[in-house]
């Protein structure tokens, strides 16, 4: 038994096609999931127990169900309700739902980690709610959001392999096709593991660069906004 590189030479376009679809699905699911997660987190922080109960139920339900079960519920539940969508779209929606619960907790935890009263103090010196959230709250939580969000994005990207079970032609599905045609599982899955590793490494490096840029952008945002600068200078004086 020996490693046969001709398997990869013959089928690399199919694996590349699957890898590209994996990236597309992961990016789309991350964008939709993060947007939904921010909304859920902000609703969870609003006063009133009914809102908190609804968001807590949403988050806990999605976090406590294995992704493959959630995928099957969405995939078979939509036709049961009379809605028929392409498998790739269904998989993207299910992946976004799965990620949104975790992104919501990441955003909520980052906001709650801020010292109490910062939003109210910003409002007290004349900032509008939107301006206070954008210029005071957001810059302080962005750097805290990047590492856990990266971990969740990596997890979500790897979970996208489960979409092969509903015939989404992503990387794992295409690797199964190649393995079935060549009967060379080691060569195929060794190559697929390397591709997943490469995608994950690119995401991790992009995250490190983003974290550095967020820190620079935070300082520039404060220097460009006199109200935010005044607020932070007041906070610094009180702390000293």
C-alpha atoms as a PDB file:
ATOM      1  CA  UNK A   1       0.000   0.000   0.000  1.00  0.00           C
ATOM      2  CA  UNK A   2       1.344   3.415  -0.958  1.00  0.00           C
ATOM      3  CA  UNK A   3       0.120   6.992  -1.275  1.00  0.00           C
ATOM      4  CA  UNK A   4      -1.288   7.592  -4.758  1.00  0.00           C
ATOM      5  CA  UNK A   5      -1.022  11.296  -5.723  1.00  0.00           C
ATOM      6  CA  UNK A   6      -2.756  10.701  -9.060  1.00  0.00           C
ATOM      7  CA  UNK A   7      -6.066  10.509  -7.191  1.00  0.00           C
ATOM      8  CA  UNK A   8      -5.700  14.139  -6.186  1.00  0.00           C
ATOM      9  CA  UNK A   9      -4.320  15.147  -9.571  1.00  0.00           C
ATOM     10  CA  UNK A  10      -7.409  13.744 -11.297  1.00  0.00           C
ATOM     11  CA  UNK A  11     -10.051  15.037  -8.888  1.00  0.00           C
ATOM     12  CA  UNK A  12      -8.661  18.311  -7.512  1.00  0.00           C
ATOM     13  CA  UNK A  13     -11.205  20.457  -9.452  1.00  0.00           C
ATOM     14  CA  UNK A  14     -14.054  18.668  -7.676  1.00  0.00           C
ATOM     15  CA  UNK A  15     -12.449  19.168  -4.263  1.00  0.00           C
ATOM     16  CA  UNK A  16     -11.723  22.809  -5.079  1.00  0.00           C
ATOM     17  CA  UNK A  17     -15.357  23.303  -6.083  1.00  0.00           C
ATOM     18  CA  UNK A  18     -16.475  21.803  -2.767  1.00  0.00           C
ATOM     19  CA  UNK A  19     -14.044  23.969  -0.803  1.00  0.00           C
ATOM     20  CA  UNK A  20     -15.327  27.104  -2.533  1.00  0.00           C
ATOM     21  CA  UNK A  21     -18.924  26.213  -1.661  1.00  0.00           C
ATOM     22  CA  UNK A  22     -17.878  25.548   1.947  1.00  0.00           C
ATOM     23  CA  UNK A  23     -16.399  29.058   2.104  1.00  0.00           C
ATOM     24  CA  UNK A  24     -19.493  30.625   0.523  1.00  0.00           C
ATOM     25  CA  UNK A  25     -21.900  28.855   2.865  1.00  0.00           C
ATOM     26  CA  UNK A  26     -19.775  29.659   5.918  1.00  0.00           C
ATOM     27  CA  UNK A  27     -19.492  33.360   5.044  1.00  0.00           C
ATOM     28  CA  UNK A  28     -23.216  33.672   4.345  1.00  0.00           C
ATOM     29  CA  UNK A  29     -24.146  31.812   7.535  1.00  0.00           C
ATOM     30  CA  UNK A  30     -21.751  33.959   9.571  1.00  0.00           C
ATOM     31  CA  UNK A  31     -23.202  37.212   8.192  1.00  0.00           C
ATOM     32  CA  UNK A  32     -26.818  36.146   8.736  1.00  0.00           C
ATOM     33  CA  UNK A  33     -26.077  34.503  12.081  1.00  0.00           C
ATOM     34  CA  UNK A  34     -24.144  37.469  13.451  1.00  0.00           C
ATOM     35  CA  UNK A  35     -26.832  39.943  12.405  1.00  0.00           C
ATOM     36  CA  UNK A  36     -29.491  37.785  14.063  1.00  0.00           C
ATOM     37  CA  UNK A  37     -27.273  37.320  17.117  1.00  0.00           C
ATOM     38  CA  UNK A  38     -26.868  41.077  17.600  1.00  0.00           C
ATOM     39  CA  UNK A  39     -30.642  41.558  17.430  1.00  0.00           C
ATOM     40  CA  UNK A  40     -31.252  38.729  19.906  1.00  0.00           C
ATOM     41  CA  UNK A  41     -28.590  40.087  22.279  1.00  0.00           C
ATOM     42  CA  UNK A  42     -30.035  43.616  22.239  1.00  0.00           C
ATOM     43  CA  UNK A  43     -33.549  42.299  22.845  1.00  0.00           C
ATOM     44  CA  UNK A  44     -32.248  40.177  25.720  1.00  0.00           C
ATOM     45  CA  UNK A  45     -30.836  43.319  27.368  1.00  0.00           C
ATOM     46  CA  UNK A  46     -34.106  45.226  27.163  1.00  0.00           C
ATOM     47  CA  UNK A  47     -36.196  45.618  30.329  1.00  0.00           C
ATOM     48  CA  UNK A  48     -39.117  43.281  30.825  1.00  0.00           C
ATOM     49  CA  UNK A  49     -39.073  39.572  31.593  1.00  0.00           C
ATOM     50  CA  UNK A  50     -41.211  38.471  28.587  1.00  0.00           C
ATOM     51  CA  UNK A  51     -38.511  39.633  26.161  1.00  0.00           C
ATOM     52  CA  UNK A  52     -35.772  37.999  28.199  1.00  0.00           C
ATOM     53  CA  UNK A  53     -37.780  34.788  28.378  1.00  0.00           C
ATOM     54  CA  UNK A  54     -38.262  34.671  24.605  1.00  0.00           C
ATOM     55  CA  UNK A  55     -34.600  35.304  23.828  1.00  0.00           C
ATOM     56  CA  UNK A  56     -33.413  32.890  26.526  1.00  0.00           C
ATOM     57  CA  UNK A  57     -35.688  30.185  25.098  1.00  0.00           C
ATOM     58  CA  UNK A  58     -34.366  30.854  21.600  1.00  0.00           C
ATOM     59  CA  UNK A  59     -30.725  30.703  22.657  1.00  0.00           C
ATOM     60  CA  UNK A  60     -31.013  27.688  24.941  1.00  0.00           C
ATOM     61  CA  UNK A  61     -33.071  25.693  22.452  1.00  0.00           C
ATOM     62  CA  UNK A  62     -30.583  26.167  19.627  1.00  0.00           C
ATOM     63  CA  UNK A  63     -27.554  25.597  21.869  1.00  0.00           C
ATOM     64  CA  UNK A  64     -28.922  22.388  23.353  1.00  0.00           C
ATOM     65  CA  UNK A  65     -29.840  20.694  20.062  1.00  0.00           C
ATOM     66  CA  UNK A  66     -27.099  18.926  18.063  1.00  0.00           C
ATOM     67  CA  UNK A  67     -26.576  20.708  14.792  1.00  0.00           C
ATOM     68  CA  UNK A  68     -27.355  17.640  12.706  1.00  0.00           C
ATOM     69  CA  UNK A  69     -30.766  17.354  14.405  1.00  0.00           C
ATOM     70  CA  UNK A  70     -31.454  21.056  13.842  1.00  0.00           C
ATOM     71  CA  UNK A  71     -30.454  20.590  10.210  1.00  0.00           C
ATOM     72  CA  UNK A  72     -32.883  17.699   9.735  1.00  0.00           C
ATOM     73  CA  UNK A  73     -35.687  19.591  11.478  1.00  0.00           C
ATOM     74  CA  UNK A  74     -35.241  22.528   9.096  1.00  0.00           C
ATOM     75  CA  UNK A  75     -34.644  20.361   6.014  1.00  0.00           C
ATOM     76  CA  UNK A  76     -37.686  18.127   6.526  1.00  0.00           C
ATOM     77  CA  UNK A  77     -39.807  20.666   8.401  1.00  0.00           C
ATOM     78  CA  UNK A  78     -39.934  23.248   5.625  1.00  0.00           C
ATOM     79  CA  UNK A  79     -41.467  20.848   3.035  1.00  0.00           C
ATOM     80  CA  UNK A  80     -43.876  19.674   5.750  1.00  0.00           C
ATOM     81  CA  UNK A  81     -44.991  23.319   6.002  1.00  0.00           C
ATOM     82  CA  UNK A  82     -45.259  23.599   2.223  1.00  0.00           C
ATOM     83  CA  UNK A  83     -41.976  25.450   1.710  1.00  0.00           C
ATOM     84  CA  UNK A  84     -39.468  23.896  -0.678  1.00  0.00           C
ATOM     85  CA  UNK A  85     -36.002  25.401  -0.972  1.00  0.00           C
ATOM     86  CA  UNK A  86     -32.693  24.214  -2.484  1.00  0.00           C
ATOM     87  CA  UNK A  87     -30.601  22.090  -0.138  1.00  0.00           C
ATOM     88  CA  UNK A  88     -27.746  24.618  -0.130  1.00  0.00           C
ATOM     89  CA  UNK A  89     -30.070  27.421   0.965  1.00  0.00           C
ATOM     90  CA  UNK A  90     -31.648  25.246   3.664  1.00  0.00           C
ATOM     91  CA  UNK A  91     -28.204  24.272   4.943  1.00  0.00           C
ATOM     92  CA  UNK A  92     -27.081  27.899   5.061  1.00  0.00           C
ATOM     93  CA  UNK A  93     -30.196  28.930   7.004  1.00  0.00           C
ATOM     94  CA  UNK A  94     -29.797  26.060   9.471  1.00  0.00           C
ATOM     95  CA  UNK A  95     -26.119  26.884   9.969  1.00  0.00           C
ATOM     96  CA  UNK A  96     -26.975  30.568  10.514  1.00  0.00           C
ATOM     97  CA  UNK A  97     -29.632  29.661  13.095  1.00  0.00           C
ATOM     98  CA  UNK A  98     -27.171  27.426  14.902  1.00  0.00           C
ATOM     99  CA  UNK A  99     -24.490  30.137  14.973  1.00  0.00           C
ATOM    100  CA  UNK A 100     -26.856  32.981  15.884  1.00  0.00           C
ATOM    101  CA  UNK A 101     -27.498  31.572  19.365  1.00  0.00           C
ATOM    102  CA  UNK A 102     -23.778  31.505  20.143  1.00  0.00           C
ATOM    103  CA  UNK A 103     -23.108  34.905  18.564  1.00  0.00           C
ATOM    104  CA  UNK A 104     -25.971  36.350  20.640  1.00  0.00           C
ATOM    105  CA  UNK A 105     -24.367  35.140  23.862  1.00  0.00           C
ATOM    106  CA  UNK A 106     -20.980  36.493  22.766  1.00  0.00           C
ATOM    107  CA  UNK A 107     -22.416  39.959  22.086  1.00  0.00           C
ATOM    108  CA  UNK A 108     -24.534  39.977  25.243  1.00  0.00           C
ATOM    109  CA  UNK A 109     -21.584  38.954  27.423  1.00  0.00           C
ATOM    110  CA  UNK A 110     -19.347  41.624  25.869  1.00  0.00           C
ATOM    111  CA  UNK A 111     -21.905  44.356  26.574  1.00  0.00           C
ATOM    112  CA  UNK A 112     -22.505  43.163  30.130  1.00  0.00           C
ATOM    113  CA  UNK A 113     -18.750  43.137  30.753  1.00  0.00           C
ATOM    114  CA  UNK A 114     -18.618  46.922  30.374  1.00  0.00           C
ATOM    115  CA  UNK A 115     -18.681  48.962  33.605  1.00  0.00           C
ATOM    116  CA  UNK A 116     -22.252  49.712  34.595  1.00  0.00           C
ATOM    117  CA  UNK A 117     -23.606  53.130  33.767  1.00  0.00           C
ATOM    118  CA  UNK A 118     -21.469  53.897  30.717  1.00  0.00           C
ATOM    119  CA  UNK A 119     -24.456  54.117  28.377  1.00  0.00           C
ATOM    120  CA  UNK A 120     -26.400  56.269  30.861  1.00  0.00           C
ATOM    121  CA  UNK A 121     -23.390  58.541  31.410  1.00  0.00           C
ATOM    122  CA  UNK A 122     -23.008  59.052  27.673  1.00  0.00           C
ATOM    123  CA  UNK A 123     -26.674  59.950  27.414  1.00  0.00           C
ATOM    124  CA  UNK A 124     -26.297  62.388  30.320  1.00  0.00           C
ATOM    125  CA  UNK A 125     -23.747  64.512  28.444  1.00  0.00           C
ATOM    126  CA  UNK A 126     -25.988  64.875  25.410  1.00  0.00           C
ATOM    127  CA  UNK A 127     -25.312  61.838  23.227  1.00  0.00           C
ATOM    128  CA  UNK A 128     -28.269  60.239  21.487  1.00  0.00           C
ATOM    129  CA  UNK A 129     -28.941  56.529  22.183  1.00  0.00           C
ATOM    130  CA  UNK A 130     -27.590  55.550  18.763  1.00  0.00           C
ATOM    131  CA  UNK A 131     -24.529  57.780  19.157  1.00  0.00           C
ATOM    132  CA  UNK A 132     -23.853  56.456  22.659  1.00  0.00           C
ATOM    133  CA  UNK A 133     -24.061  52.875  21.440  1.00  0.00           C
ATOM    134  CA  UNK A 134     -21.893  53.566  18.383  1.00  0.00           C
ATOM    135  CA  UNK A 135     -19.216  55.835  19.878  1.00  0.00           C
ATOM    136  CA  UNK A 136     -19.014  54.617  23.482  1.00  0.00           C
ATOM    137  CA  UNK A 137     -20.286  51.047  23.784  1.00  0.00           C
ATOM    138  CA  UNK A 138     -19.352  49.553  20.406  1.00  0.00           C
ATOM    139  CA  UNK A 139     -15.674  50.612  20.314  1.00  0.00           C
ATOM    140  CA  UNK A 140     -15.104  49.148  23.773  1.00  0.00           C
ATOM    141  CA  UNK A 141     -16.642  45.763  23.008  1.00  0.00           C
ATOM    142  CA  UNK A 142     -15.305  45.214  19.486  1.00  0.00           C
ATOM    143  CA  UNK A 143     -11.896  43.928  20.548  1.00  0.00           C
ATOM    144  CA  UNK A 144     -13.548  41.678  23.129  1.00  0.00           C
ATOM    145  CA  UNK A 145     -15.846  40.266  20.447  1.00  0.00           C
ATOM    146  CA  UNK A 146     -13.162  39.194  17.989  1.00  0.00           C
ATOM    147  CA  UNK A 147     -11.564  36.159  19.758  1.00  0.00           C
ATOM    148  CA  UNK A 148     -14.792  34.354  20.798  1.00  0.00           C
ATOM    149  CA  UNK A 149     -16.429  35.222  17.489  1.00  0.00           C
ATOM    150  CA  UNK A 150     -13.453  33.702  15.682  1.00  0.00           C
ATOM    151  CA  UNK A 151     -13.737  30.502  17.685  1.00  0.00           C
ATOM    152  CA  UNK A 152     -17.440  30.284  16.875  1.00  0.00           C
ATOM    153  CA  UNK A 153     -16.814  30.973  13.190  1.00  0.00           C
ATOM    154  CA  UNK A 154     -14.222  28.198  13.055  1.00  0.00           C
ATOM    155  CA  UNK A 155     -16.653  25.814  14.750  1.00  0.00           C
ATOM    156  CA  UNK A 156     -19.397  26.787  12.325  1.00  0.00           C
ATOM    157  CA  UNK A 157     -17.130  26.303   9.323  1.00  0.00           C
ATOM    158  CA  UNK A 158     -16.247  22.797  10.499  1.00  0.00           C
ATOM    159  CA  UNK A 159     -19.901  22.019  11.252  1.00  0.00           C
ATOM    160  CA  UNK A 160     -20.669  22.825   7.617  1.00  0.00           C
ATOM    161  CA  UNK A 161     -19.349  19.335   6.836  1.00  0.00           C
ATOM    162  CA  UNK A 162     -22.649  17.995   8.240  1.00  0.00           C
ATOM    163  CA  UNK A 163     -24.450  19.612   5.303  1.00  0.00           C
ATOM    164  CA  UNK A 164     -23.217  16.709   3.182  1.00  0.00           C
ATOM    165  CA  UNK A 165     -25.968  14.643   4.843  1.00  0.00           C
ATOM    166  CA  UNK A 166     -28.608  16.650   2.948  1.00  0.00           C
ATOM    167  CA  UNK A 167     -26.671  16.497  -0.342  1.00  0.00           C
ATOM    168  CA  UNK A 168     -25.165  19.996  -0.217  1.00  0.00           C
ATOM    169  CA  UNK A 169     -22.138  19.598  -2.542  1.00  0.00           C
ATOM    170  CA  UNK A 170     -19.622  21.197  -0.163  1.00  0.00           C
ATOM    171  CA  UNK A 171     -16.129  19.879   0.554  1.00  0.00           C
ATOM    172  CA  UNK A 172     -17.039  16.798   2.593  1.00  0.00           C
ATOM    173  CA  UNK A 173     -19.743  15.754   0.127  1.00  0.00           C
ATOM    174  CA  UNK A 174     -17.348  16.057  -2.799  1.00  0.00           C
ATOM    175  CA  UNK A 175     -14.709  14.089  -0.909  1.00  0.00           C
ATOM    176  CA  UNK A 176     -17.219  11.261  -0.459  1.00  0.00           C
ATOM    177  CA  UNK A 177     -17.905  11.347  -4.189  1.00  0.00           C
ATOM    178  CA  UNK A 178     -14.191  11.172  -4.992  1.00  0.00           C
ATOM    179  CA  UNK A 179     -13.631   8.394  -2.454  1.00  0.00           C
ATOM    180  CA  UNK A 180     -16.497   6.403  -3.972  1.00  0.00           C
ATOM    181  CA  UNK A 181     -14.992   6.735  -7.442  1.00  0.00           C
ATOM    182  CA  UNK A 182     -11.380   5.998  -6.514  1.00  0.00           C
ATOM    183  CA  UNK A 183     -11.591   3.720  -3.455  1.00  0.00           C
ATOM    184  CA  UNK A 184      -8.678   5.707  -2.034  1.00  0.00           C
ATOM    185  CA  UNK A 185     -10.027   7.023   1.274  1.00  0.00           C
ATOM    186  CA  UNK A 186      -6.684   7.909   2.861  1.00  0.00           C
ATOM    187  CA  UNK A 187      -5.500  10.093   0.004  1.00  0.00           C
ATOM    188  CA  UNK A 188      -8.856  11.838  -0.305  1.00  0.00           C
ATOM    189  CA  UNK A 189      -9.488  12.557   3.354  1.00  0.00           C
ATOM    190  CA  UNK A 190      -5.884  13.537   4.015  1.00  0.00           C
ATOM    191  CA  UNK A 191      -6.249  16.151   1.292  1.00  0.00           C
ATOM    192  CA  UNK A 192      -9.629  17.284   2.635  1.00  0.00           C
ATOM    193  CA  UNK A 193      -8.218  17.628   6.158  1.00  0.00           C
ATOM    194  CA  UNK A 194      -5.436  19.806   4.746  1.00  0.00           C
ATOM    195  CA  UNK A 195      -7.965  22.014   2.947  1.00  0.00           C
ATOM    196  CA  UNK A 196     -10.039  22.486   6.119  1.00  0.00           C
ATOM    197  CA  UNK A 197      -6.841  23.311   8.012  1.00  0.00           C
ATOM    198  CA  UNK A 198      -5.900  25.897   5.380  1.00  0.00           C
ATOM    199  CA  UNK A 199      -9.332  27.564   5.528  1.00  0.00           C
ATOM    200  CA  UNK A 200      -9.199  27.646   9.337  1.00  0.00           C
ATOM    201  CA  UNK A 201      -5.693  29.133   9.266  1.00  0.00           C
ATOM    202  CA  UNK A 202      -6.826  31.922   6.939  1.00  0.00           C
ATOM    203  CA  UNK A 203      -9.760  32.719   9.251  1.00  0.00           C
ATOM    204  CA  UNK A 204      -7.484  32.787  12.305  1.00  0.00           C
ATOM    205  CA  UNK A 205      -4.967  35.084  10.603  1.00  0.00           C
ATOM    206  CA  UNK A 206      -7.746  37.389   9.397  1.00  0.00           C
ATOM    207  CA  UNK A 207      -9.033  37.506  12.980  1.00  0.00           C
ATOM    208  CA  UNK A 208      -5.630  38.559  14.323  1.00  0.00           C
ATOM    209  CA  UNK A 209      -5.378  41.314  11.732  1.00  0.00           C
ATOM    210  CA  UNK A 210      -8.920  42.458  12.464  1.00  0.00           C
ATOM    211  CA  UNK A 211      -8.210  42.630  16.189  1.00  0.00           C
ATOM    212  CA  UNK A 212      -5.232  44.909  15.572  1.00  0.00           C
ATOM    213  CA  UNK A 213      -7.197  47.125  13.192  1.00  0.00           C
ATOM    214  CA  UNK A 214     -10.125  47.381  15.600  1.00  0.00           C
ATOM    215  CA  UNK A 215      -7.774  48.692  18.278  1.00  0.00           C
ATOM    216  CA  UNK A 216      -6.440  51.353  15.904  1.00  0.00           C
ATOM    217  CA  UNK A 217      -9.917  52.267  14.671  1.00  0.00           C
ATOM    218  CA  UNK A 218     -11.137  52.641  18.257  1.00  0.00           C
ATOM    219  CA  UNK A 219      -8.504  55.279  19.014  1.00  0.00           C
ATOM    220  CA  UNK A 220      -9.192  57.107  15.747  1.00  0.00           C
ATOM    221  CA  UNK A 221     -12.960  57.062  16.373  1.00  0.00           C
ATOM    222  CA  UNK A 222     -12.528  58.723  19.755  1.00  0.00           C
ATOM    223  CA  UNK A 223     -10.141  61.339  18.368  1.00  0.00           C
ATOM    224  CA  UNK A 224     -12.614  62.226  15.591  1.00  0.00           C
ATOM    225  CA  UNK A 225     -15.665  62.512  17.853  1.00  0.00           C
ATOM    226  CA  UNK A 226     -15.536  65.409  20.344  1.00  0.00           C
ATOM    227  CA  UNK A 227     -18.492  64.179  22.392  1.00  0.00           C
ATOM    228  CA  UNK A 228     -17.036  60.711  22.774  1.00  0.00           C
ATOM    229  CA  UNK A 229     -13.634  62.223  23.597  1.00  0.00           C
ATOM    230  CA  UNK A 230     -15.229  64.426  26.233  1.00  0.00           C
ATOM    231  CA  UNK A 231     -17.028  61.443  27.718  1.00  0.00           C
ATOM    232  CA  UNK A 232     -13.914  59.276  27.926  1.00  0.00           C
ATOM    233  CA  UNK A 233     -11.877  62.145  29.375  1.00  0.00           C
ATOM    234  CA  UNK A 234     -14.501  62.560  32.097  1.00  0.00           C
ATOM    235  CA  UNK A 235     -14.327  58.849  32.833  1.00  0.00           C
ATOM    236  CA  UNK A 236     -10.529  59.001  33.019  1.00  0.00           C
ATOM    237  CA  UNK A 237     -10.609  61.964  35.421  1.00  0.00           C
ATOM    238  CA  UNK A 238     -13.105  60.222  37.694  1.00  0.00           C
ATOM    239  CA  UNK A 239     -10.982  57.072  37.698  1.00  0.00           C
ATOM    240  CA  UNK A 240      -7.886  59.051  38.735  1.00  0.00           C
END
